């Protein structure tokens, strides 16, 4: 499935690039011949042929789909994905730190309130004793 997703992504990228440059398939092939450094070949998907299905549907076995993509665009996409992942990780870490800090502050406030209440009760008891004496 991953190979298929990569293939579809690249195919869409190529079609978009061809439309942007107003290229036909022949123009693409000419460009590839002229400047091979700008392109790379993506692994072809394996043929998964089921003879029964091929015969039932009258579909002959189709060769593996292969596709080409611009290296620069692919590298940019990979860099963007990496940056986005790093930013998400940093943001998640910051949020965890903020939550931890808030919890510590809340716990400190609760402890301080409890201590104050205990002191008030202790003072009240002392005052009662003194009043009773």
Foldseek 3Di string as FASTA:
>chain_A
DVLVVVLVVQVVQVVVVCVVVVHDPVRVVVVCVVCVPQKDKDDFDDFDDDPVVCVVVVPDGDDTDIGMHGPVVVVVVVVVVVVVVVVVVVVVVVVVVVVVVVVVVVVVVVVVVVVVVVVVVVVVVVVVVVVVD
